[in-house]
Amino acid sequence: MSEFTDADADAEARLAEDFAPWINDMDIVVELVTPGAAVLRIPQSVRLNRDGGAMCGQAIMSLADTAMAFAVASSVGDWVPMTTVNQTSSFLRPADGKELYAEARVIKRGRTIMYGEVILHSGIREKPVANVTSTYMLL
């Protein structure tokens, strides 16, 4: 374990080293990490699209889950073992912009259980693509 504080160096290193290779294949960019929150982004890609050109739900949920992991780690202040217990997604509109942002934040922090919310949008926060609520357990 190492202290998790820097959005630029530490977050990018964690993304490259600690996540599955297929997550890295999504070209996720860490935009911002602050205590209890994180903003990640992925570019639109034909590899992530379904028929019709909209980004597939699996990619959207993966981005949300990854963003929440960063929010949880930054809330704790350390990159600790954790797991997703629950993730509920509400898809509100197609993700058909040039990129997709995931704004994650911890909304309730317990000793071992964290609750969070992720708003996903294509650059206009007031027009969300999806809303995700998550429960994480620190192991």
Protein backbone atom coordinates (compact mmCIF):
# COMPACT_ATOMS: atom_id res chain seq x y z
CA MET A 1 0.00 0.00 0.00
CA SER A 2 1.10 3.52 -0.67
CA GLU A 3 -0.42 6.88 0.17
CA PHE A 4 -2.79 8.03 -2.54
CA THR A 5 -2.66 11.79 -2.89
CA ASP A 6 -1.58 12.98 -6.35
CA ALA A 7 -4.04 12.94 -9.24
CA ASP A 8 -1.34 13.28 -11.87
CA ALA A 9 1.43 10.86 -11.03
CA ASP A 10 -0.08 8.39 -8.58
CA ALA A 11 -3.47 8.04 -10.26
CA GLU A 12 -2.05 7.45 -13.73
CA ALA A 13 0.40 4.90 -12.30
CA ARG A 14 -2.39 3.12 -10.42
CA LEU A 15 -4.53 3.00 -13.53
CA ALA A 16 -1.70 1.44 -15.54
CA GLU A 17 -0.54 -1.02 -12.86
CA ASP A 18 -3.57 -2.04 -10.79
CA PHE A 19 -6.40 -2.42 -13.28
CA ALA A 20 -7.11 -5.16 -15.80
CA PRO A 21 -5.45 -4.69 -19.19
CA TRP A 22 -8.82 -4.33 -20.93
CA ILE A 23 -9.64 -1.35 -18.68
CA ASN A 24 -6.43 0.30 -19.89
CA ASP A 25 -7.44 -0.51 -23.47
CA MET A 26 -10.36 1.91 -23.00
CA ASP A 27 -7.83 4.81 -22.96
CA ILE A 28 -9.12 6.21 -19.67
CA VAL A 29 -7.66 9.57 -18.66
CA VAL A 30 -7.61 10.67 -15.02
CA GLU A 31 -8.70 14.31 -15.08
CA LEU A 32 -8.91 15.06 -11.36
CA VAL A 33 -8.68 13.33 -8.00
CA THR A 34 -9.57 15.18 -4.80
CA PRO A 35 -10.46 13.79 -1.36
CA GLY A 36 -13.52 11.61 -1.88
CA ALA A 37 -13.97 12.45 -5.55
CA ALA A 38 -12.54 11.71 -9.00
CA VAL A 39 -13.19 12.70 -12.60
CA LEU A 40 -12.17 10.28 -15.35
CA ARG A 41 -12.71 10.53 -19.10
CA ILE A 42 -12.66 8.24 -22.11
CA PRO A 43 -12.68 9.24 -25.76
CA GLN A 44 -15.41 8.00 -28.07
CA SER A 45 -14.14 4.97 -29.96
CA VAL A 46 -15.71 2.63 -32.49
CA ARG A 47 -14.30 -0.19 -30.34
CA LEU A 48 -16.60 0.91 -27.49
CA ASN A 49 -19.70 1.61 -29.60
CA ARG A 50 -22.69 -0.55 -30.27
CA ASP A 51 -24.81 -0.51 -33.40
CA GLY A 52 -25.89 3.04 -34.14
CA GLY A 53 -22.72 4.68 -32.84
CA ALA A 54 -23.59 5.10 -29.14
CA MET A 55 -21.15 3.90 -26.50
CA CYS A 56 -22.11 0.50 -25.09
CA GLY A 57 -23.41 0.13 -21.55
CA GLN A 58 -20.56 -2.17 -20.56
CA ALA A 59 -18.01 0.57 -21.28
CA ILE A 60 -20.10 3.15 -19.43
CA MET A 61 -20.42 0.94 -16.34
CA SER A 62 -16.70 0.09 -16.43
CA LEU A 63 -15.77 3.76 -16.52
CA ALA A 64 -18.13 4.48 -13.61
CA ASP A 65 -16.72 1.61 -11.54
CA THR A 66 -13.14 2.71 -12.22
CA ALA A 67 -13.91 6.32 -11.31
CA MET A 68 -15.54 5.20 -8.07
CA ALA A 69 -12.46 3.15 -7.13
CA PHE A 70 -10.39 6.34 -7.39
CA ALA A 71 -12.94 8.30 -5.33
CA VAL A 72 -12.88 5.64 -2.60
CA ALA A 73 -9.07 5.49 -2.52
CA SER A 74 -8.84 9.28 -2.31
CA SER A 75 -11.44 9.31 0.49
CA VAL A 76 -9.37 6.84 2.51
CA GLY A 77 -6.11 8.55 1.52
CA ASP A 78 -4.50 5.25 0.61
CA TRP A 79 -4.77 2.71 -2.18
CA VAL A 80 -6.19 -0.17 -0.14
CA PRO A 81 -7.74 -3.47 -1.20
CA MET A 82 -11.41 -2.89 -2.04
CA THR A 83 -14.22 -4.48 -3.98
CA THR A 84 -17.45 -3.38 -5.61
CA VAL A 85 -20.40 -4.77 -3.66
CA ASN A 86 -23.18 -3.20 -5.71
CA GLN A 87 -23.49 -0.98 -8.76
CA THR A 88 -26.84 0.30 -10.00
CA SER A 89 -26.96 2.12 -13.32
CA SER A 90 -29.68 4.28 -14.80
CA PHE A 91 -29.07 5.06 -18.47
CA LEU A 92 -30.66 8.39 -19.35
CA ARG A 93 -29.58 9.12 -22.94
CA PRO A 94 -27.14 7.73 -25.53
CA ALA A 95 -23.46 8.47 -24.99
CA ASP A 96 -22.76 9.73 -28.49
CA GLY A 97 -20.43 12.65 -27.83
CA LYS A 98 -16.72 12.84 -28.53
CA GLU A 99 -15.85 11.77 -24.99
CA LEU A 100 -17.51 10.57 -21.83
CA TYR A 101 -16.79 11.98 -18.37
CA ALA A 102 -17.39 10.16 -15.09
CA GLU A 103 -17.66 12.39 -12.02
CA ALA A 104 -17.51 10.13 -8.96
CA ARG A 105 -17.90 11.07 -5.33
CA VAL A 106 -18.21 9.26 -2.02
CA ILE A 107 -21.53 10.25 -0.47
CA LYS A 108 -21.21 8.24 2.77
CA ARG A 109 -18.08 6.81 4.28
CA GLY A 110 -18.15 4.05 6.86
CA ARG A 111 -15.33 2.04 8.42
CA THR A 112 -15.52 -0.68 5.79
CA ILE A 113 -18.44 0.27 3.52
CA MET A 114 -18.45 3.29 1.18
CA TYR A 115 -21.43 4.59 -0.77
CA GLY A 116 -20.91 6.65 -3.89
CA GLU A 117 -22.50 8.24 -6.88
CA VAL A 118 -21.20 8.75 -10.41
CA ILE A 119 -22.66 11.19 -12.93
CA LEU A 120 -21.64 10.40 -16.51
CA HIS A 121 -21.94 13.01 -19.24
CA SER A 122 -20.55 13.92 -22.65
CA GLY A 123 -19.25 17.31 -21.58
CA ILE A 124 -22.49 18.93 -20.42
CA ARG A 125 -23.10 17.94 -16.80
CA GLU A 126 -26.70 19.17 -16.97
CA LYS A 127 -27.39 16.53 -19.65
CA PRO A 128 -26.26 13.30 -18.00
CA VAL A 129 -25.84 10.11 -19.97
CA ALA A 130 -26.13 7.91 -16.89
CA ASN A 131 -26.34 7.99 -13.11
CA VAL A 132 -24.66 5.22 -11.14
CA THR A 133 -24.84 4.48 -7.44
CA SER A 134 -22.21 2.20 -5.93
CA THR A 135 -21.37 0.39 -2.74
CA TYR A 136 -17.75 -0.51 -2.09
CA MET A 137 -16.22 -2.61 0.67
CA LEU A 138 -12.73 -2.04 2.02
CA LEU A 139 -11.07 -5.42 2.47
